[in-house]
Amino acid sequence: MAVAARVAVRHVRRAAIEKLNDRDKKKEISEDDVKRGQDRIQKETDASVKKIDDILKTKEQEILEV
């Protein structure tokens, strides 16, 4: 289940980066904005994956206590 959640987060990241790149190709945003956007998307992705991993770790500990 955690693997599926990580994959879903990565799919969202890929879609967001594709949108940024499309806007860059259309010259709607600057290259600097693309870079900043990609960095922010990656930070959010990392934070989401960390939350998923933390939840998984907590659940594993709960299961082992029983």
Protein backbone atom coordinates (compact mmCIF):
# COMPACT_ATOMS: atom_id res chain seq x y z
CA MET A 1 0.00 0.00 0.00
CA ALA A 2 2.82 2.41 0.80
CA VAL A 3 4.45 1.56 -2.51
CA ALA A 4 1.26 2.48 -4.35
CA ALA A 5 1.09 5.78 -2.47
CA ARG A 6 4.71 6.59 -3.38
CA VAL A 7 4.02 5.77 -7.02
CA ALA A 8 0.94 8.01 -7.00
CA VAL A 9 2.96 10.89 -5.57
CA ARG A 10 5.61 10.42 -8.25
CA HIS A 11 2.94 10.41 -10.97
CA VAL A 12 1.64 13.73 -9.68
CA ARG A 13 5.20 15.07 -9.66
CA ARG A 14 5.76 13.98 -13.25
CA ALA A 15 2.49 15.57 -14.39
CA ALA A 16 3.31 18.85 -12.63
CA ILE A 17 6.78 18.99 -14.16
CA GLU A 18 5.34 18.26 -17.60
CA LYS A 19 2.94 21.20 -17.19
CA LEU A 20 5.84 23.45 -16.23
CA ASN A 21 7.82 22.34 -19.25
CA ASP A 22 4.83 22.88 -21.54
CA ARG A 23 4.42 26.43 -20.24
CA ASP A 24 8.14 26.99 -20.76
CA LYS A 25 7.92 25.79 -24.37
CA LYS A 26 5.04 28.22 -24.95
CA LYS A 27 7.18 30.99 -23.39
CA GLU A 28 4.51 31.61 -20.74
CA ILE A 29 7.09 31.41 -17.94
CA SER A 30 10.84 31.95 -17.70
CA GLU A 31 13.47 29.26 -17.32
CA ASP A 32 14.15 30.53 -13.81
CA ASP A 33 10.49 30.04 -12.92
CA VAL A 34 10.64 26.52 -14.35
CA LYS A 35 13.68 25.73 -12.21
CA ARG A 36 12.08 27.18 -9.08
CA GLY A 37 8.88 25.27 -9.81
CA GLN A 38 10.75 22.01 -10.31
CA ASP A 39 12.65 22.53 -7.06
CA ARG A 40 9.44 23.23 -5.16
CA ILE A 41 7.70 20.22 -6.70
CA GLN A 42 10.64 18.00 -5.72
CA LYS A 43 10.61 19.32 -2.14
CA GLU A 44 6.88 18.64 -1.87
CA THR A 45 7.38 15.17 -3.34
CA ASP A 46 10.16 14.41 -0.86
CA ALA A 47 8.00 15.62 2.04
CA SER A 48 5.06 13.50 0.90
CA VAL A 49 7.19 10.38 0.50
CA LYS A 50 8.67 10.97 3.95
CA LYS A 51 5.16 11.21 5.45
CA ILE A 52 4.22 7.96 3.73
CA ASP A 53 7.36 6.27 5.06
CA ASP A 54 6.69 7.59 8.58
CA ILE A 55 3.12 6.30 8.51
CA LEU A 56 4.35 2.92 7.25
CA LYS A 57 6.95 2.72 10.01
CA THR A 58 4.33 3.57 12.66
CA LYS A 59 1.91 0.95 11.34
CA GLU A 60 4.64 -1.69 11.21
CA GLN A 61 5.50 -0.96 14.85
CA GLU A 62 1.84 -1.19 15.84
CA ILE A 63 1.52 -4.55 14.13
CA LEU A 64 4.67 -5.91 15.77
CA GLU A 65 3.41 -4.90 19.24
CA VAL A 66 0.38 -7.17 18.95
